[in-house]
Protein backbone atom coordinates (compact mmCIF):
# COMPACT_ATOMS: atom_id res chain seq x y z
CA MET A 1 -101.67 -126.17 19.13
CA LYS A 2 -105.09 -126.18 19.42
CA ARG A 3 -106.75 -124.16 16.49
CA LYS A 4 -110.04 -122.55 17.65
CA TYR A 5 -112.71 -121.13 15.25
CA ASN A 6 -116.11 -118.56 15.79
CA PHE A 7 -118.98 -119.36 15.04
CA TYR A 8 -121.12 -116.18 15.45
CA SER A 9 -121.74 -114.70 12.66
CA LEU A 10 -122.30 -118.14 11.00
CA PHE A 11 -125.32 -119.41 13.00
CA ALA A 12 -128.23 -117.38 10.62
CA LEU A 13 -127.01 -119.39 7.54
CA ILE A 14 -130.28 -121.32 6.17
CA LEU A 15 -127.51 -123.75 4.77
CA LEU A 16 -127.37 -125.58 7.83
CA MET A 17 -131.18 -125.34 8.82
CA MET A 18 -131.17 -125.73 12.50
CA SER A 19 -131.13 -123.52 15.43
CA ALA A 20 -128.38 -121.55 17.01
CA CYS A 21 -128.70 -122.61 19.97
CA ASN A 22 -126.54 -125.61 20.17
CA LYS A 23 -125.24 -126.25 24.24
CA GLN A 24 -121.73 -127.34 22.97
CA LEU A 25 -121.24 -123.76 22.18
CA ASP A 26 -122.30 -122.54 24.94
CA LEU A 27 -120.30 -124.17 27.44
CA VAL A 28 -117.38 -122.27 25.58
CA PRO A 29 -116.54 -118.40 26.35
CA GLU A 30 -116.77 -116.50 22.90
CA ASN A 31 -118.28 -119.60 20.83
CA ASN A 32 -114.84 -120.88 20.35
CA LEU A 33 -114.30 -124.05 20.05
CA VAL A 34 -111.32 -125.82 19.52
CA GLU A 35 -110.65 -127.81 16.56
CA GLU A 36 -111.15 -131.22 17.72
CA GLN A 37 -114.76 -130.64 19.08
CA VAL A 38 -115.89 -128.77 16.11
CA LEU A 39 -114.71 -131.88 13.71
CA ALA A 40 -116.20 -134.25 16.28
CA ASP A 41 -120.35 -132.84 16.14
CA LYS A 42 -122.12 -133.13 12.64
CA ALA A 43 -123.27 -129.62 13.17
CA THR A 44 -120.42 -128.06 14.20
CA ALA A 45 -118.70 -129.63 11.58
CA GLU A 46 -121.43 -128.45 8.88
CA ARG A 47 -121.42 -124.84 10.71
CA LEU A 48 -117.36 -124.73 9.86
CA LEU A 49 -118.37 -125.92 6.08
CA ALA A 50 -120.53 -123.27 6.24
CA GLY A 51 -117.88 -120.73 7.33
CA GLY A 52 -115.86 -121.73 4.00
CA PHE A 53 -118.61 -121.21 1.82
CA ILE A 54 -119.38 -117.93 3.05
CA ASN A 55 -115.73 -117.03 2.35
CA GLN A 56 -116.12 -118.42 -1.27
CA TYR A 57 -119.24 -115.81 -1.61
CA SER A 58 -117.99 -112.89 -0.06
CA THR A 59 -115.36 -112.64 -2.74
CA GLU A 60 -117.27 -113.62 -5.75
CA ARG A 61 -120.20 -111.25 -5.15
CA THR A 62 -117.21 -109.16 -6.56
CA ILE A 63 -114.95 -111.00 -9.13
CA LEU A 64 -118.55 -112.03 -11.24
CA PRO A 65 -118.82 -107.14 -11.99
CA MET A 66 -115.40 -107.08 -12.30
CA ALA A 67 -115.04 -110.19 -15.03
CA ASP A 68 -118.00 -108.13 -17.54
CA GLN A 69 -116.25 -104.21 -16.08
CA SER A 70 -113.11 -105.59 -17.83
CA THR A 71 -114.85 -106.36 -21.34
CA GLY A 72 -116.92 -103.65 -21.48
CA ILE A 73 -120.54 -105.25 -20.73
CA ALA A 74 -120.82 -103.57 -18.00
CA TYR A 75 -119.02 -99.60 -17.30
CA LEU A 76 -116.98 -97.56 -14.66
CA VAL A 77 -116.18 -94.06 -14.45
CA THR A 78 -112.75 -95.31 -13.27
CA ASN A 79 -112.55 -99.09 -14.69
CA ASN A 80 -108.57 -100.36 -13.71
CA PHE A 81 -109.97 -103.65 -14.60
CA TYR A 82 -110.47 -102.58 -18.52
CA THR A 83 -107.44 -100.69 -18.59
CA GLY A 84 -105.09 -102.55 -16.61
CA VAL A 85 -103.82 -99.54 -14.17
CA LEU A 86 -103.53 -101.95 -11.39
CA ASP A 87 -101.62 -101.60 -8.04
CA PRO A 88 -100.50 -104.67 -6.11
CA TYR A 89 -101.10 -102.75 -2.85
CA GLN A 90 -105.34 -102.82 -3.68
CA SER A 91 -107.23 -104.15 -1.18
CA ASN A 92 -110.13 -105.63 -3.71
CA ILE A 93 -107.18 -108.05 -5.02
CA ALA A 94 -105.94 -108.63 -1.69
CA GLY A 95 -109.81 -109.58 -0.97
CA PHE A 96 -110.09 -111.98 -3.93
CA TRP A 97 -106.65 -113.42 -3.01
CA SER A 98 -106.81 -113.69 1.16
CA THR A 99 -110.99 -114.93 0.96
CA HIS A 100 -110.53 -117.88 -1.45
CA TYR A 101 -107.75 -118.76 0.50
CA LYS A 102 -109.64 -118.49 3.75
CA ALA A 103 -112.23 -120.97 2.02
CA ILE A 104 -109.23 -123.12 1.24
CA ASN A 105 -107.62 -123.44 3.92
CA ILE A 106 -111.16 -124.58 6.06
CA ALA A 107 -111.41 -126.99 2.88
CA ASN A 108 -108.06 -128.17 4.03
CA VAL A 109 -109.14 -128.88 7.49
CA ILE A 110 -112.45 -131.26 6.84
CA ILE A 111 -110.29 -132.92 4.11
CA ASN A 112 -107.39 -133.67 5.88
CA ASN A 113 -108.68 -134.13 9.77
CA LEU A 114 -112.36 -135.15 9.72
CA PRO A 115 -112.03 -138.45 9.36
CA ARG A 116 -109.60 -138.80 12.26
CA GLU A 117 -111.67 -136.55 14.81
CA ALA A 118 -115.38 -137.23 13.34
CA LYS A 119 -117.88 -138.97 15.63
CA PHE A 120 -120.73 -139.26 13.64
CA ASP A 121 -122.08 -141.22 10.34
CA ILE A 122 -119.16 -141.78 7.77
CA SER A 123 -121.79 -141.36 5.12
CA ILE A 124 -122.31 -137.30 6.35
CA GLN A 125 -118.43 -137.18 7.01
CA LYS A 126 -117.95 -138.45 3.41
CA GLN A 127 -120.68 -135.97 2.06
CA TYR A 128 -118.95 -133.50 4.04
CA ILE A 129 -115.30 -133.85 2.64
CA ALA A 130 -116.72 -134.22 -1.08
CA GLU A 131 -118.33 -130.58 -0.49
CA ALA A 132 -114.87 -129.46 1.14
CA LYS A 133 -113.13 -130.51 -2.30
CA PHE A 134 -115.97 -128.71 -4.13
CA LEU A 135 -115.15 -126.20 -2.05
CA ARG A 136 -111.29 -125.78 -2.51
CA ALA A 137 -111.47 -126.84 -6.26
CA TYR A 138 -113.82 -124.10 -7.20
CA SER A 139 -111.79 -121.76 -5.21
CA TYR A 140 -109.03 -122.79 -6.94
CA PHE A 141 -110.00 -122.60 -10.20
CA ARG A 142 -110.81 -118.80 -9.88
CA LEU A 143 -107.35 -117.96 -7.98
CA ALA A 144 -105.85 -119.36 -11.25
CA LEU A 145 -108.34 -117.61 -13.57
CA LEU A 146 -107.34 -114.25 -12.01
CA PHE A 147 -103.76 -114.82 -11.02
CA GLY A 148 -101.69 -117.82 -13.32
CA TYR A 149 -99.66 -116.54 -15.86
CA LYS A 150 -101.14 -117.45 -19.54
CA VAL A 151 -102.95 -119.90 -17.46
CA LEU A 152 -105.70 -120.18 -19.79
CA GLY A 153 -103.03 -119.92 -23.25
CA ASP A 154 -100.68 -122.38 -22.05
CA ASN A 155 -100.96 -124.77 -18.95
CA SER A 156 -97.72 -126.19 -18.80
CA ASP A 157 -95.14 -126.34 -16.14
CA ALA A 158 -93.60 -123.27 -17.63
CA ASN A 159 -96.07 -120.87 -15.87
CA PRO A 160 -96.35 -120.15 -12.61
CA CYS A 161 -99.87 -119.70 -11.09
CA VAL A 162 -100.10 -119.72 -7.23
CA PRO A 163 -99.26 -121.47 -3.99
CA LEU A 164 -100.92 -124.80 -4.21
CA GLN A 165 -101.73 -125.30 -0.41
CA LEU A 166 -103.45 -128.45 0.52
CA ASN A 167 -102.69 -128.60 3.88
CA PRO A 168 -104.71 -127.12 6.86
CA PHE A 169 -102.26 -123.83 7.60
CA ALA A 170 -99.98 -124.63 10.32
CA SER A 171 -97.47 -121.75 10.78
CA ALA A 172 -96.26 -118.32 9.00
CA SER A 173 -92.72 -119.53 8.73
CA VAL A 174 -93.89 -122.34 6.14
CA ILE A 175 -93.46 -120.47 2.58
CA ILE A 176 -94.74 -122.76 -0.37
CA PRO A 177 -94.08 -120.87 -3.22
CA ARG A 178 -96.27 -120.69 -6.55
CA ALA A 179 -97.24 -123.94 -8.78
CA THR A 180 -97.59 -124.44 -11.97
CA ASN A 181 -100.78 -123.73 -13.76
CA LYS A 182 -100.80 -127.40 -15.05
CA GLN A 183 -100.34 -128.53 -10.93
CA VAL A 184 -103.01 -126.42 -9.80
CA LEU A 185 -105.80 -127.01 -12.82
CA ASP A 186 -104.96 -131.01 -12.28
CA ARG A 187 -106.02 -130.43 -8.60
CA VAL A 188 -108.95 -129.13 -9.76
CA VAL A 189 -110.06 -131.76 -11.67
CA GLN A 190 -108.91 -134.23 -9.45
CA ASP A 191 -110.70 -132.50 -6.31
CA LEU A 192 -113.51 -132.63 -8.20
CA GLU A 193 -113.57 -136.20 -9.98
CA GLU A 194 -113.62 -137.37 -5.99
CA ALA A 195 -116.08 -135.13 -4.95
CA ILE A 196 -118.84 -135.90 -6.99
CA PRO A 197 -119.63 -140.07 -6.53
CA ASP A 198 -119.84 -138.77 -2.94
CA LEU A 199 -121.91 -135.93 -2.93
CA PRO A 200 -125.49 -136.20 -2.40
CA SER A 201 -127.83 -136.19 -5.35
CA ALA A 202 -130.41 -134.23 -3.55
CA TYR A 203 -131.67 -133.17 -0.26
CA PRO A 204 -135.31 -134.99 -0.74
CA ASP A 205 -135.93 -135.09 3.03
CA ALA A 206 -134.89 -131.66 3.72
CA ALA A 207 -136.78 -128.37 4.76
CA ASN A 208 -136.53 -126.05 1.48
CA MET A 209 -135.60 -129.53 -0.50
CA ASP A 210 -135.02 -126.74 -4.09
CA MET A 211 -133.70 -124.33 -2.40
CA LYS A 212 -130.67 -126.89 -0.89
CA LEU A 213 -130.47 -128.52 -4.72
CA ARG A 214 -129.32 -125.47 -6.40
CA SER A 215 -126.90 -123.87 -3.66
CA ARG A 216 -125.67 -127.08 -1.98
CA ALA A 217 -123.01 -128.63 -3.92
CA VAL A 218 -124.60 -131.69 -4.98
CA LYS A 219 -123.18 -134.24 -8.10
CA ALA A 220 -124.97 -132.36 -10.61
CA VAL A 221 -123.05 -128.88 -9.78
CA GLY A 222 -120.11 -130.69 -9.55
CA MET A 223 -120.88 -132.28 -13.03
CA ALA A 224 -121.66 -129.04 -13.91
CA PHE A 225 -118.98 -126.92 -12.87
CA LEU A 226 -116.49 -130.28 -14.27
CA SER A 227 -118.41 -129.43 -17.30
CA ARG A 228 -116.85 -125.66 -17.47
CA VAL A 229 -113.76 -126.55 -16.28
CA TYR A 230 -112.89 -129.38 -18.96
CA LEU A 231 -114.11 -126.89 -21.72
CA TYR A 232 -111.47 -124.29 -20.30
CA LEU A 233 -109.07 -127.11 -20.83
CA ASN A 234 -109.89 -128.14 -24.17
CA ASN A 235 -110.80 -131.57 -22.85
CA PHE A 236 -113.80 -131.51 -25.36
CA ASP A 237 -115.09 -135.29 -24.59
CA LYS A 238 -115.04 -134.76 -20.76
CA ALA A 239 -116.88 -131.24 -21.36
CA ILE A 240 -119.55 -132.84 -23.57
CA ASP A 241 -119.93 -135.88 -20.95
CA ASN A 242 -120.50 -134.20 -18.39
CA ALA A 243 -122.71 -131.67 -19.55
CA ASN A 244 -125.11 -134.50 -21.06
CA LEU A 245 -125.20 -136.33 -17.52
CA VAL A 246 -126.78 -132.59 -16.05
CA LEU A 247 -128.88 -132.10 -19.07
CA ALA A 248 -130.73 -135.75 -18.26
CA ASN A 249 -131.11 -134.54 -14.50
CA ASN A 250 -135.00 -133.72 -14.41
CA ASN A 251 -134.14 -131.20 -11.93
CA TYR A 252 -133.39 -128.58 -14.21
CA VAL A 253 -135.25 -127.55 -16.76
CA LEU A 254 -135.15 -124.31 -19.58
CA ALA A 255 -136.55 -121.77 -18.96
CA ALA A 256 -139.10 -120.64 -21.50
CA SER A 257 -137.74 -116.89 -21.50
CA PRO A 258 -134.35 -115.85 -19.97
CA ALA A 259 -136.56 -112.79 -18.65
CA ASN A 260 -137.84 -115.62 -16.33
CA VAL A 261 -134.89 -116.78 -14.50
CA PHE A 262 -134.60 -113.45 -12.87
CA PRO A 263 -137.44 -112.44 -10.90
CA ASP A 264 -138.71 -108.92 -10.12
CA ASN A 265 -137.14 -107.93 -6.92
CA LYS A 266 -137.55 -104.54 -7.10
CA LEU A 267 -139.91 -104.19 -4.10
CA VAL A 268 -138.07 -106.79 -1.67
CA ILE A 269 -136.32 -105.07 1.14
CA ALA A 270 -133.13 -106.65 2.99
CA GLY A 271 -134.05 -109.10 5.23
CA ALA A 272 -136.76 -110.87 3.33
CA ALA A 273 -137.56 -114.46 2.78
CA ASN A 274 -136.04 -116.27 0.57
CA ILE A 275 -136.32 -115.89 -2.76
CA SER A 276 -137.03 -119.12 -5.16
CA PHE A 277 -134.31 -119.96 -7.61
CA ASN A 278 -135.81 -120.86 -11.25
CA LYS A 279 -135.36 -124.38 -12.41
CA GLU A 280 -132.82 -123.45 -14.76
CA VAL A 281 -130.34 -122.46 -12.00
CA VAL A 282 -128.24 -125.57 -11.58
CA TYR A 283 -126.12 -123.40 -8.61
CA GLY A 284 -126.48 -120.36 -7.04
CA TYR A 285 -125.79 -118.01 -3.99
CA PRO A 286 -129.46 -117.61 -2.11
CA VAL A 287 -129.83 -113.90 -0.53
CA SER A 288 -130.46 -115.90 3.19
CA PHE A 289 -127.10 -116.80 2.58
CA GLY A 290 -126.76 -112.72 3.76
CA ILE A 291 -124.29 -111.83 0.36
CA SER A 292 -125.93 -110.34 -2.39
CA THR A 293 -124.58 -107.88 -5.10
CA THR A 294 -125.14 -104.70 -6.29
CA ASN A 295 -126.85 -103.77 -9.34
CA LEU A 296 -124.28 -100.00 -9.02
CA ALA A 297 -121.16 -102.38 -10.23
CA TYR A 298 -123.51 -102.93 -13.40
CA VAL A 299 -123.92 -99.93 -15.38
CA VAL A 300 -124.70 -100.94 -18.48
CA ASP A 301 -122.71 -99.89 -21.40
CA PRO A 302 -124.76 -98.91 -24.18
CA SER A 303 -122.42 -99.87 -26.63
CA PHE A 304 -122.82 -103.25 -25.61
CA ILE A 305 -126.69 -103.60 -25.64
CA GLN A 306 -126.43 -102.41 -29.13
CA THR A 307 -124.89 -105.45 -30.24
CA TYR A 308 -128.41 -107.68 -29.56
CA THR A 309 -130.34 -107.95 -32.77
CA PRO A 310 -133.13 -106.04 -32.26
CA ASN A 311 -136.00 -107.41 -30.15
CA ASP A 312 -133.86 -110.07 -28.22
CA ILE A 313 -135.34 -110.07 -24.84
CA ARG A 314 -132.57 -109.92 -23.40
CA GLY A 315 -131.15 -106.66 -24.56
CA SER A 316 -134.17 -104.92 -23.34
CA MET A 317 -133.37 -106.30 -19.59
CA VAL A 318 -131.89 -102.72 -18.40
CA ILE A 319 -133.36 -100.86 -15.31
CA LYS A 320 -132.94 -98.16 -13.50
CA ASN A 321 -130.51 -98.14 -10.27
CA ALA A 322 -130.80 -96.11 -7.10
CA GLN A 323 -128.42 -93.67 -9.10
CA ASN A 324 -130.59 -93.79 -11.68
CA GLN A 325 -128.11 -95.48 -13.93
CA ASN A 326 -129.06 -98.52 -16.33
CA THR A 327 -128.36 -101.39 -14.93
CA THR A 328 -129.30 -105.22 -15.57
CA SER A 329 -132.80 -106.19 -14.25
CA LYS A 330 -130.95 -109.19 -13.40
CA TYR A 331 -129.95 -107.71 -10.46
CA SER A 332 -133.28 -105.66 -9.32
CA SER A 333 -133.35 -105.43 -6.02
CA PRO A 334 -132.32 -101.46 -4.78
CA ALA A 335 -131.78 -103.00 -1.29
CA PHE A 336 -129.07 -105.33 -3.45
CA TYR A 337 -131.17 -108.00 -1.75
CA ASP A 338 -130.88 -110.79 -4.87
CA ASN A 339 -129.48 -114.60 -5.41
CA ILE A 340 -126.57 -114.93 -7.49
CA MET A 341 -126.44 -116.93 -10.38
CA VAL A 342 -122.97 -119.07 -10.70
CA ILE A 343 -124.31 -121.97 -13.28
CA ARG A 344 -127.55 -122.08 -15.34
CA LEU A 345 -128.65 -124.70 -17.39
CA SER A 346 -128.20 -122.60 -20.45
CA GLU A 347 -124.64 -121.86 -19.69
CA VAL A 348 -124.10 -126.28 -19.56
CA MET A 349 -125.70 -126.26 -22.96
CA LEU A 350 -123.97 -123.99 -24.39
CA ASN A 351 -120.78 -125.69 -22.88
CA LYS A 352 -121.69 -129.35 -24.66
CA ALA A 353 -122.51 -126.54 -27.76
CA GLU A 354 -118.90 -125.03 -27.84
CA ALA A 355 -117.10 -128.30 -27.06
CA LEU A 356 -118.92 -130.56 -29.81
CA ALA A 357 -118.08 -127.83 -32.28
CA ARG A 358 -114.69 -127.29 -31.33
CA ARG A 359 -114.47 -131.04 -31.73
CA ASP A 360 -116.29 -131.78 -34.76
CA GLY A 361 -116.71 -129.18 -36.44
CA LEU A 362 -120.13 -128.34 -38.02
CA ASN A 363 -122.99 -130.41 -36.50
CA GLN A 364 -126.45 -130.08 -36.57
CA THR A 365 -126.24 -130.63 -32.38
CA SER A 366 -124.42 -127.70 -31.45
CA ILE A 367 -126.65 -125.70 -33.98
CA ASP A 368 -129.82 -127.04 -32.20
CA ILE A 369 -129.03 -126.33 -29.00
CA LEU A 370 -127.98 -122.80 -29.93
CA ASN A 371 -130.86 -122.27 -32.11
CA ALA A 372 -132.78 -123.48 -28.45
CA ILE A 373 -131.15 -120.50 -26.40
CA TYR A 374 -131.18 -117.80 -28.97
CA GLN A 375 -134.91 -117.94 -30.04
CA ARG A 376 -136.30 -118.11 -26.91
CA ALA A 377 -134.86 -114.79 -26.40
CA PHE A 378 -137.64 -113.38 -28.57
CA VAL A 379 -141.23 -113.30 -28.55
CA VAL A 380 -143.89 -115.90 -30.78
CA GLY A 381 -144.09 -113.04 -34.15
CA GLN A 382 -140.18 -111.86 -34.00
CA LYS A 383 -138.42 -114.67 -33.82
CA PRO A 384 -135.57 -114.64 -36.16
CA ALA A 385 -135.04 -117.74 -38.82
CA PHE A 386 -133.89 -120.98 -37.46
CA TYR A 387 -130.17 -121.25 -37.70
CA THR A 388 -129.23 -124.22 -39.70
CA MET A 389 -125.95 -126.00 -41.45
CA ALA A 390 -125.73 -123.76 -44.30
CA SER A 391 -125.43 -120.61 -42.21
CA PHE A 392 -122.05 -121.28 -41.23
CA ALA A 393 -119.03 -121.10 -43.48
CA ASP A 394 -116.89 -123.45 -41.37
CA LYS A 395 -115.98 -124.68 -37.82
CA ASN A 396 -114.87 -121.10 -37.09
CA ALA A 397 -117.94 -119.39 -37.99
CA LEU A 398 -119.67 -122.08 -35.54
CA VAL A 399 -117.46 -121.17 -32.90
CA SER A 400 -117.84 -117.85 -32.78
CA ARG A 401 -121.01 -117.74 -32.80
CA ILE A 402 -121.46 -119.53 -30.19
CA LEU A 403 -119.24 -117.29 -28.14
CA LEU A 404 -121.47 -114.21 -29.04
CA GLU A 405 -124.31 -115.98 -28.03
CA ARG A 406 -122.75 -116.88 -24.42
CA ARG A 407 -121.47 -113.07 -24.12
CA TRP A 408 -125.42 -112.02 -24.68
CA GLU A 409 -127.10 -115.03 -22.70
CA LEU A 410 -123.87 -115.05 -19.75
CA ALA A 411 -123.57 -111.25 -19.38
CA TYR A 412 -123.62 -109.76 -16.25
CA GLU A 413 -122.41 -113.09 -14.45
CA GLY A 414 -118.81 -112.80 -14.88
CA HIS A 415 -117.69 -115.19 -18.23
CA ASP A 416 -117.28 -112.91 -20.41
CA ARG A 417 -113.04 -111.87 -19.52
CA PHE A 418 -112.15 -115.67 -19.00
CA ASP A 419 -114.09 -116.47 -22.55
CA LYS A 420 -111.95 -114.11 -24.42
CA ILE A 421 -109.33 -115.26 -22.80
CA ARG A 422 -109.44 -119.06 -23.57
CA ALA A 423 -110.59 -118.28 -27.42
CA GLY A 424 -107.47 -116.09 -27.66
CA LEU A 425 -109.45 -113.08 -28.27
CA PRO A 426 -108.75 -109.53 -26.53
CA ILE A 427 -109.97 -108.71 -23.30
CA ASN A 428 -110.65 -105.47 -24.67
CA PRO A 429 -108.80 -102.27 -26.76
CA VAL A 430 -106.63 -101.27 -24.51
CA LEU A 431 -105.95 -103.81 -21.87
CA PRO A 432 -102.15 -104.79 -22.34
CA LEU A 433 -101.48 -108.47 -22.45
CA ASN A 434 -99.23 -108.62 -19.76
CA ARG A 435 -102.28 -107.04 -17.95
CA TYR A 436 -104.71 -110.18 -18.37
CA ALA A 437 -103.28 -111.95 -14.93
CA LEU A 438 -103.64 -109.97 -11.80
CA PRO A 439 -101.00 -109.02 -9.28
CA ILE A 440 -100.27 -110.61 -6.65
CA PRO A 441 -101.11 -108.77 -3.70
CA GLN A 442 -97.90 -107.17 -2.75
CA ALA A 443 -98.05 -108.06 0.77
CA ASP A 444 -97.70 -111.60 -0.11
CA VAL A 445 -94.77 -111.32 -2.13
CA ASP A 446 -93.17 -108.85 0.66
CA ILE A 447 -93.69 -111.28 3.44
CA THR A 448 -92.62 -113.80 1.60
CA SER A 449 -89.59 -112.19 0.55
CA GLY A 450 -89.96 -112.75 -3.08
CA VAL A 451 -90.75 -116.55 -3.03
CA LEU A 452 -94.09 -115.99 -4.00
CA ALA A 453 -93.04 -114.78 -7.41
CA GLN A 454 -95.28 -111.24 -8.53
CA ASN A 455 -96.62 -111.48 -12.10
CA LEU A 456 -94.40 -109.98 -14.89
CA GLY A 457 -95.88 -107.03 -15.73
CA TYR A 458 -95.97 -105.52 -12.85
C-alpha cells in the first residue's frame, strides 16, 4: 500500500526557505502525496525531513524542563518527575515516546527509500539521508536516556532499552521487542559516524545562512552531539576528538558573558521575526519553527540559586513570569517565544574538560577550560581567583568541580538529570533508583500483549 503524508502544517517552516505554493501539491486533494511522489521531488522530500525534525522539537520542549524539574533546579508544586510517582498511562510520558518514534519513522522512510525514489541531485540525496540519520540518532539517544533500564550505569546486553526500528513502519502486526541498551547506543553512534561525512559544513548560499548553520544538522552539530554521546558512554578519547573538531571551527565563539547568549525577549510577541542565535550556540530550535518553550515550566528553586558563588551572573539570571513566579531569563518572552538551546560551545568545552580529567586525572587543559567558563560569569572587579593544579586534591575533586560547573552553566537546558545518572549521583534525595527510567507507556505494553515489557518498578 502506498503511504501518504500531509504537509499542510509544514509550509511555513523557515527551515525550507521556499514558497508554500507548490503546483505538485495543488494537484493532490488535501495536500496528500503518495510516498513515491514525496521522495521523487527535492522540495517535498525536504518537507518530509522537516516534518521529522518538527516531531522531535515538539516533544523536546517538554523533556528539557522535566530533566531539570527532577533534580531540583526547577520547581513544580506537584512534581511527579522529582518524586517518581509516575503512572505508565500519563499522557506526557506517552508523548515523549510516540513523538520521537514518529520522527524515527520519517527518518527511516528517507534513509531506506530516498535512494530508490529520488529524481534530484545525488549530493542532495546524501545530505538528506545524513540529516535523517542525525534525526534518528538524536531521537534514539533521547529515548534510551528516558526509557532504557540502567542505560547509563550499565550499557551491556543484560538490560532492556527501547524497540530498535530501522525500517519504515509497515504493519501493526509486526511487533518489535525492546532491544538492549548496547544495541540502541551502538546504533546511535553508527548513525552519527555515518552521517557526519555527508552533512554540509554550512549553507553559504542560503538565505538566513547563520540561522541554518545553527538550526540544521551540519557537520559541527553532528560532532558536538557525538562528543556528548561519547562522554556519556565513557569513550573519552572520541569525546575529546569530536570536541576538538568543534572547538577549532571559527563559526562558534564563546560569548564574553553567559548573559549575552540569551537575548532579552520580554517585549517579543508570538509571530515576531526570527530571533538570532548568539555565535556560542552550536545547535538550537528557533522560534521560527513554531516551537517554543514556556517559562512557566522553569520556576526557579531558591535552594538551587543559593548554590552559586556570590556575584555569579548566572545566579541572578532570574525574572518574573506571567504568574509572578521567579523563572529563568534564558526564556524571557511572556508569549513563550524564545529560541531553545540544544548544544552550546560551553557544553562542548566542558565535555572535553571532563573527558580529559576522567582519562588523564589532574591536567592543566581541563583546569584552563574550567577557568574560562567560570571566570566569564563574573564582571570585572568581582572575579574569583583562578583555579590551579594545587586547587584540587586529586582527579575526583577536579571531575566533581567540572560537574558542578555543568550544573550551573547548563541549568534550565535539560542536562542535569542525565549528568547525575551517568556520574553515579542520586538524581535527588527522594527518587527511588528503580524510577530513574521512565515507565514504558502502558498502552504500548498492552497492545503488544506484553512483548514490549514494562520497566521494573512500575
